[in-house]
Structure formats: C-alpha cells, structure tokens
Amino acid sequence: MDGAAVESPGPARGRRLVAWARNPRGRPRFLALVTVLYLLWSIVPVLIAIRFSFNEGRSRSSAQGWSLRWYFDDPDLSVWHDPDLQGALVQSLKLAGLAIAIAVPLGVALAIGISRWRGRISRPASAVALSTLVTPEIVMGSALFLVFVNLFTFVDLGTVAQVIGHVTFSIAFVLVILRSRLISIGRDYEEAAMDLGASPAQSLRLALLPLLWPAVVASVIVVFAISMDDFVISAFLSSGSTTDTVPVRIYSNARGAPTPALNALASLTLFLTIAAVVVVGAIWWAIRRSHGQSGSTLDELAKLEA
C-alpha cells in the first residue's frame, strides 16, 4: 500500500448526507415529517376527547367501553337532558347564525366599498376596519363590555350584545377574504360588463358578485367557526347562565367535577361545524353546476347589449 491516507467512510458519508440535505433542486426533505407531526399534535387530543365522550363510565382518563350515555341516554347528566348544556349549544348556534347573517353581507359591502373607493381617507378607513385583527380579543371583549355598561346602556348584556360583539370581531375576517378575492379579480369584468351596456349596479350584480361567491362561501365557514369557538367576547357580554355559550359552559364546568358530558358537548360542536362546512360546500357545488364553472352570467350581460 502506498503512502496515501485512506479516508474513513464516516466523514465521507457525513458529507454526502449534508449535500443531500442542502440540495436546492431536490424534494423538500423534512416537509412530510413536519406535516405529519403537526397533524398528530393537532388531531390526537381532539380524537381523545371524542373517544371519552362515548365512554360508558364517568371517567375522563380511562376507557370504560362505548356508550351514548353522555349524549342522550343518561336521564340527568347527558347533553340532551341537561338544560344548561343544551342551552349553551343552542345559544352558540343562535349566535353563529346571526353573526353569519349580519357580518357576511356587511363584510361584502365593506370590502367592495374599500376596494373601489379612491380617496384621501380610503387607506385610513381600511386600516380602521382591519384593526380588530391586531387587537387582542381580551381588549375587544372588555372594551365592548364597558361600552354597553356605561355608554350604550340601551343595549342589555346577553344575546343582543353578544351578537354585536361577534359581528364586530368577525367582520374583519370577511373583509380580508373578500378583498383578496377582489384583488385577484381586478376591474376587468366590471368594465367589460359596462362596455356591454350594463350600468354600474348591473355590472356589480351580474359580473362581480357571481365571481365573489367562493370568497363569500369561505367567509360563511370562517365566521361560523369563529363564532362557535369564541370564549372571551361571549363571556364578557353574557348576562348569566342562560346566555352562556359552549366554550363558556365548558370552562365553567371543567373547574368542578366534570363528566364526559362536557366531552360530548365539545364533540357535538365539532360535528356541527364539520356538518356546516359540508352543507355549505354542497350548496356551493350545486350553485356552480347550475350556473356553469365560470360562475358568471355573461349571457345576461350579452342580452343587455342587444
């Protein structure tokens, strides 16, 4: 053997591994692993909570068979037979429905107005409208509480105040979603509609609004999820146990001697949220099939020119 040193396989293998990891043209090396770990971290606790909602016994830490006891079989402690738990679920659904009915139309109008408005205060108006996104929810909840207690005393704490709070907090999310869609669409379709003889109102109704439907559907889902999940604003503006929502009721009961009925209540909230997403998606799919894949009514615009 000559005097040349023989390189050990360890350092060479290490350099090859580093070169493999740093390859900019290769597939993402650890993306799949990070994604799987994140999904496990997010979903496994939820699955555990769902599992114990079907527990046959009272334990919330050890499996004791499968049962629907905590949903409706237990005559006293189940969600179906406990008026407090049932009322919290109904109150959450009521607030979510009212928030969607008010926040989404207002958000659509606000997004169109800010996007199409060209003036000195258009940018400050946009900043004010989006300020709730960067405002801590605890600040928003306490501020609304003080406003209703000391200034707008004609608004009683309870459902009305909670609806106003949910709309105030969620309308910014609608604005962000709709403005993103408006920026991607641009003004070309509206201008084309007016070239075909449409008035500004007709171009808005026949050209722009059909193209905004995907963002509107996404806004409905987001507002529903935010309203069902909200704790701080609902707790601050609640007038008592009769207007407690699911998160407030779970927090209140969890500090005592909770039963798996709380897991059942949380699971029902999750199931209803998933069902709402599926229903809204099915409605959107039906609308797309009835109006075509483009989602616009160009035939009606062409009739205007004729």
Protein backbone atom coordinates (compact mmCIF):
# COMPACT_ATOMS: atom_id res chain seq x y z
CA MET A 1 0.00 0.00 0.00
CA ASP A 2 1.38 3.45 -0.92
CA GLY A 3 1.59 6.39 1.48
CA ALA A 4 -1.74 7.90 0.51
CA ALA A 5 -4.07 8.10 3.50
CA VAL A 6 -7.26 6.12 3.24
CA GLU A 7 -10.28 8.28 4.04
CA SER A 8 -12.61 6.72 6.59
CA PRO A 9 -16.14 6.09 5.40
CA GLY A 10 -17.65 8.05 8.30
CA PRO A 11 -16.73 11.65 7.26
CA ALA A 12 -17.42 10.90 3.59
CA ARG A 13 -20.88 9.58 4.45
CA GLY A 14 -21.48 12.67 6.56
CA ARG A 15 -20.55 15.00 3.72
CA ARG A 16 -22.86 13.15 1.36
CA LEU A 17 -25.70 13.44 3.87
CA VAL A 18 -25.12 17.20 4.24
CA ALA A 19 -25.03 17.61 0.44
CA TRP A 20 -28.26 15.60 0.16
CA ALA A 21 -29.99 17.77 2.77
CA ARG A 22 -28.80 21.02 1.14
CA ASN A 23 -29.79 20.09 -2.41
CA PRO A 24 -31.94 23.08 -3.52
CA ARG A 25 -33.35 21.19 -6.51
CA GLY A 26 -34.41 18.11 -4.60
CA ARG A 27 -37.73 17.38 -2.93
CA PRO A 28 -38.37 19.01 0.47
CA ARG A 29 -36.58 16.66 2.82
CA PHE A 30 -38.45 17.13 6.07
CA LEU A 31 -41.72 18.71 4.92
CA ALA A 32 -43.68 15.46 5.06
CA LEU A 33 -42.34 14.62 8.52
CA VAL A 34 -43.14 18.08 9.92
CA THR A 35 -46.63 17.94 8.39
CA VAL A 36 -47.36 14.54 9.91
CA LEU A 37 -46.08 15.61 13.33
CA TYR A 38 -48.20 18.78 13.23
CA LEU A 39 -51.32 16.85 12.26
CA LEU A 40 -50.75 14.35 15.05
CA TRP A 41 -50.18 17.13 17.58
CA SER A 42 -53.39 18.87 16.47
CA ILE A 43 -55.73 15.94 15.90
CA VAL A 44 -54.79 13.34 18.52
CA PRO A 45 -56.05 15.41 21.53
CA VAL A 46 -59.32 16.03 19.70
CA LEU A 47 -59.71 12.33 18.95
CA ILE A 48 -59.03 11.50 22.61
CA ALA A 49 -61.72 13.96 23.72
CA ILE A 50 -64.17 12.45 21.24
CA ARG A 51 -63.33 8.95 22.44
CA PHE A 52 -64.16 9.76 26.06
CA SER A 53 -67.43 11.40 25.01
CA PHE A 54 -68.55 7.85 24.14
CA ASN A 55 -67.27 6.41 27.43
CA GLU A 56 -69.67 4.19 29.33
CA GLY A 57 -68.41 5.26 32.75
CA ARG A 58 -67.78 8.63 34.34
CA SER A 59 -64.02 8.54 33.92
CA ARG A 60 -62.39 11.03 31.58
CA SER A 61 -58.97 9.39 31.77
CA SER A 62 -59.55 5.65 31.37
CA ALA A 63 -61.59 3.90 28.68
CA GLN A 64 -64.67 2.12 30.05
CA GLY A 65 -66.42 0.80 26.99
CA TRP A 66 -68.57 2.53 24.42
CA SER A 67 -71.93 4.20 25.02
CA LEU A 68 -74.13 7.12 24.04
CA ARG A 69 -74.84 7.79 27.70
CA TRP A 70 -73.40 11.29 27.73
CA TYR A 71 -75.21 12.35 24.58
CA PHE A 72 -78.79 11.36 25.42
CA ASP A 73 -79.01 8.04 27.32
CA ASP A 74 -78.35 9.37 30.81
CA PRO A 75 -81.62 10.82 32.15
CA ASP A 76 -79.90 13.51 34.22
CA LEU A 77 -76.34 14.20 33.07
CA SER A 78 -76.44 13.81 29.28
CA VAL A 79 -76.36 16.79 26.94
CA TRP A 80 -79.90 16.05 25.78
CA HIS A 81 -81.33 16.04 29.32
CA ASP A 82 -79.15 18.73 30.93
CA PRO A 83 -80.84 22.10 30.27
CA ASP A 84 -77.63 24.05 30.90
CA LEU A 85 -75.59 22.10 28.37
CA GLN A 86 -78.43 22.04 25.86
CA GLY A 87 -79.00 25.77 26.28
CA ALA A 88 -75.30 26.50 25.74
CA LEU A 89 -75.34 24.58 22.46
CA VAL A 90 -78.49 26.36 21.28
CA GLN A 91 -77.04 29.75 22.26
CA SER A 92 -73.82 29.08 20.33
CA LEU A 93 -75.76 28.06 17.22
CA LYS A 94 -78.01 31.11 17.53
CA LEU A 95 -75.07 33.50 17.81
CA ALA A 96 -73.25 31.82 14.91
CA GLY A 97 -76.33 32.05 12.66
CA LEU A 98 -76.94 35.70 13.48
CA ALA A 99 -73.25 36.55 13.07
CA ILE A 100 -73.25 34.99 9.60
CA ALA A 101 -76.47 36.76 8.60
CA ILE A 102 -75.09 40.16 9.64
CA ALA A 103 -71.29 40.03 9.30
CA VAL A 104 -71.06 38.43 5.85
CA PRO A 105 -73.29 40.92 3.96
CA LEU A 106 -71.69 43.85 5.78
CA GLY A 107 -68.23 42.44 5.07
CA VAL A 108 -69.02 42.04 1.37
CA ALA A 109 -70.29 45.61 1.11
CA LEU A 110 -67.35 46.94 3.12
CA ALA A 111 -64.80 45.05 1.01
CA ILE A 112 -66.31 46.28 -2.27
CA GLY A 113 -66.53 49.83 -0.96
CA ILE A 114 -62.95 49.97 0.30
CA SER A 115 -61.52 48.24 -2.79
CA ARG A 116 -63.34 50.50 -5.25
CA TRP A 117 -63.09 53.71 -3.20
CA ARG A 118 -60.36 56.11 -4.22
CA GLY A 119 -60.00 59.00 -1.81
CA ARG A 120 -57.81 60.55 0.85
CA ILE A 121 -59.28 58.58 3.72
CA SER A 122 -59.67 55.25 1.93
CA ARG A 123 -56.44 53.88 3.39
CA PRO A 124 -57.18 55.06 6.96
CA ALA A 125 -60.68 53.58 6.63
CA SER A 126 -59.17 50.26 5.57
CA ALA A 127 -56.74 50.34 8.50
CA VAL A 128 -59.53 51.03 10.97
CA ALA A 129 -61.66 48.23 9.52
CA LEU A 130 -58.78 45.77 9.90
CA SER A 131 -57.76 46.95 13.37
CA THR A 132 -59.71 44.18 15.10
CA LEU A 133 -57.32 41.64 13.55
CA VAL A 134 -54.42 43.00 15.60
CA THR A 135 -56.46 43.89 18.69
CA PRO A 136 -56.22 41.25 21.44
CA GLU A 137 -59.58 39.65 22.00
CA ILE A 138 -59.42 40.32 25.74
CA VAL A 139 -59.13 44.05 24.93
CA MET A 140 -62.03 43.86 22.50
CA GLY A 141 -64.23 41.99 24.97
CA SER A 142 -63.54 44.31 27.90
CA ALA A 143 -63.97 47.40 25.70
CA LEU A 144 -67.35 46.21 24.42
CA PHE A 145 -68.42 45.38 27.96
CA LEU A 146 -67.55 48.88 29.19
CA VAL A 147 -69.29 50.46 26.19
CA PHE A 148 -72.54 48.58 26.77
CA VAL A 149 -72.48 49.10 30.53
CA ASN A 150 -71.51 52.79 30.62
CA LEU A 151 -72.31 54.32 27.21
CA PHE A 152 -74.86 52.35 25.20
CA THR A 153 -76.94 51.36 28.19
CA PHE A 154 -79.98 50.69 25.99
CA VAL A 155 -78.21 47.52 24.80
CA ASP A 156 -78.60 44.91 27.52
CA LEU A 157 -75.98 42.30 28.12
CA GLY A 158 -76.98 38.97 26.68
CA THR A 159 -77.81 37.77 23.20
CA VAL A 160 -78.01 41.20 21.55
CA ALA A 161 -74.70 42.37 22.99
CA GLN A 162 -73.05 39.05 22.14
CA VAL A 163 -74.25 39.25 18.53
CA ILE A 164 -72.83 42.77 18.21
CA GLY A 165 -69.55 41.57 19.67
CA HIS A 166 -69.31 38.56 17.37
CA VAL A 167 -70.10 40.69 14.32
CA THR A 168 -67.56 43.32 15.34
CA PHE A 169 -64.82 40.75 15.78
CA SER A 170 -65.56 38.56 12.74
CA ILE A 171 -66.29 41.20 10.10
CA ALA A 172 -62.56 41.87 9.70
CA PHE A 173 -62.00 38.26 8.61
CA VAL A 174 -64.75 38.62 5.99
CA LEU A 175 -63.10 41.83 4.80
CA VAL A 176 -59.70 40.15 4.40
CA ILE A 177 -61.12 37.19 2.45
CA LEU A 178 -63.27 39.35 0.16
CA ARG A 179 -60.55 41.91 -0.53
CA SER A 180 -58.13 39.15 -1.52
CA ARG A 181 -60.68 37.85 -3.99
CA LEU A 182 -61.39 41.35 -5.33
CA ILE A 183 -57.68 41.99 -5.88
CA SER A 184 -57.33 38.74 -7.83
CA ILE A 185 -60.41 39.55 -9.95
CA GLY A 186 -59.50 43.14 -10.74
CA ARG A 187 -61.82 45.58 -12.51
CA ASP A 188 -61.74 43.97 -15.95
CA TYR A 189 -65.05 42.11 -15.61
CA GLU A 190 -66.92 45.17 -14.37
CA GLU A 191 -65.51 47.29 -17.19
CA ALA A 192 -66.38 44.59 -19.73
CA ALA A 193 -69.92 44.46 -18.39
CA MET A 194 -70.29 48.24 -18.68
CA ASP A 195 -68.89 48.08 -22.23
CA LEU A 196 -71.74 45.66 -22.99
CA GLY A 197 -74.24 48.24 -21.77
CA ALA A 198 -74.60 47.37 -18.09
CA SER A 199 -74.99 50.08 -15.51
CA PRO A 200 -72.62 50.13 -12.51
CA ALA A 201 -75.28 48.40 -10.39
CA GLN A 202 -75.88 45.76 -13.08
CA SER A 203 -72.15 45.13 -13.52
CA LEU A 204 -71.89 44.65 -9.77
CA ARG A 205 -74.84 42.23 -9.65
CA LEU A 206 -74.22 40.29 -12.86
CA ALA A 207 -70.42 40.28 -13.17
CA LEU A 208 -68.75 40.91 -9.82
CA LEU A 209 -70.97 39.22 -7.25
CA PRO A 210 -71.02 35.81 -9.01
CA LEU A 211 -67.23 35.88 -9.05
CA LEU A 212 -67.18 36.64 -5.32
CA TRP A 213 -69.20 33.55 -4.37
CA PRO A 214 -66.16 31.41 -3.48
CA ALA A 215 -64.96 34.10 -1.06
CA VAL A 216 -68.48 34.51 0.34
CA VAL A 217 -68.72 30.77 0.98
CA ALA A 218 -65.32 30.81 2.68
CA SER A 219 -66.42 33.79 4.79
CA VAL A 220 -69.54 31.95 5.94
CA ILE A 221 -67.45 28.99 7.10
CA VAL A 222 -64.88 31.19 8.85
CA VAL A 223 -67.50 33.31 10.65
CA PHE A 224 -69.35 30.19 11.80
CA ALA A 225 -66.16 28.64 13.17
CA ILE A 226 -65.04 31.85 14.89
CA SER A 227 -68.44 32.41 16.49
CA MET A 228 -68.78 28.82 17.71
CA ASP A 229 -65.26 28.90 19.15
CA ASP A 230 -65.37 32.36 20.75
CA PHE A 231 -64.92 32.49 24.50
CA VAL A 232 -63.72 35.93 25.61
CA ILE A 233 -66.36 38.14 23.99
CA SER A 234 -69.15 35.67 24.79
CA ALA A 235 -68.08 35.54 28.45
CA PHE A 236 -67.75 39.32 28.84
CA LEU A 237 -71.13 40.06 27.25
CA SER A 238 -73.07 37.20 28.82
CA SER A 239 -75.94 38.11 31.11
CA GLY A 240 -75.82 34.84 33.04
CA SER A 241 -76.10 31.11 32.63
CA THR A 242 -78.97 31.45 30.17
CA THR A 243 -76.70 33.13 27.60
CA ASP A 244 -73.56 31.08 28.18
CA THR A 245 -72.11 29.55 25.03
CA VAL A 246 -70.44 26.16 24.68
CA PRO A 247 -66.87 27.40 25.39
CA VAL A 248 -68.06 29.37 28.43
CA ARG A 249 -70.06 26.42 29.75
CA ILE A 250 -67.15 24.01 29.25
CA TYR A 251 -64.80 26.38 31.08
CA SER A 252 -67.25 26.86 33.96
CA ASN A 253 -67.96 23.16 34.44
CA ALA A 254 -64.38 21.98 33.89
CA ARG A 255 -63.28 23.59 37.17
CA GLY A 256 -65.74 21.50 39.17
CA ALA A 257 -66.37 17.76 38.90
CA PRO A 258 -66.77 17.36 35.14
CA THR A 259 -68.29 14.33 33.49
CA PRO A 260 -67.80 13.06 29.94
CA ALA A 261 -70.90 15.10 29.08
CA LEU A 262 -68.51 18.03 28.54
CA ASN A 263 -66.63 15.91 26.03
CA ALA A 264 -69.94 15.10 24.36
CA LEU A 265 -70.84 18.80 24.22
CA ALA A 266 -67.47 19.67 22.67
CA SER A 267 -67.79 16.76 20.23
CA LEU A 268 -71.25 17.93 19.17
CA THR A 269 -69.82 21.38 18.49
CA LEU A 270 -67.12 19.81 16.32
CA PHE A 271 -69.62 17.60 14.48
CA LEU A 272 -71.92 20.55 13.81
CA THR A 273 -69.02 22.63 12.49
CA ILE A 274 -67.98 19.84 10.13
CA ALA A 275 -71.60 19.38 9.04
CA ALA A 276 -71.91 23.12 8.35
CA VAL A 277 -68.78 23.02 6.18
CA VAL A 278 -70.13 20.02 4.26
CA VAL A 279 -73.55 21.63 3.75
CA VAL A 280 -72.09 24.94 2.58
CA GLY A 281 -69.73 23.09 0.26
CA ALA A 282 -72.62 21.09 -1.19
CA ILE A 283 -74.65 24.26 -1.75
CA TRP A 284 -71.68 25.90 -3.47
CA TRP A 285 -71.17 22.83 -5.66
CA ALA A 286 -74.84 22.91 -6.65
CA ILE A 287 -74.60 26.63 -7.49
CA ARG A 288 -71.56 26.02 -9.69
CA ARG A 289 -73.32 23.21 -11.53
CA SER A 290 -76.42 25.33 -12.13
CA HIS A 291 -74.50 28.40 -13.37
CA GLY A 292 -71.55 26.69 -15.03
CA GLN A 293 -67.94 26.50 -13.92
CA SER A 294 -67.23 30.17 -14.56
CA GLY A 295 -69.83 31.30 -12.05
CA SER A 296 -70.65 34.47 -14.05
CA THR A 297 -73.75 35.39 -16.04
CA LEU A 298 -72.15 36.54 -19.27
CA ASP A 299 -75.24 35.58 -21.29
CA GLU A 300 -77.31 38.07 -19.34
CA LEU A 301 -74.68 40.74 -19.98
CA ALA A 302 -74.77 40.00 -23.68
CA LYS A 303 -78.55 40.48 -23.67
CA LEU A 304 -78.05 43.98 -22.26
CA GLU A 305 -76.08 44.96 -25.37
CA ALA A 306 -78.81 43.61 -27.61
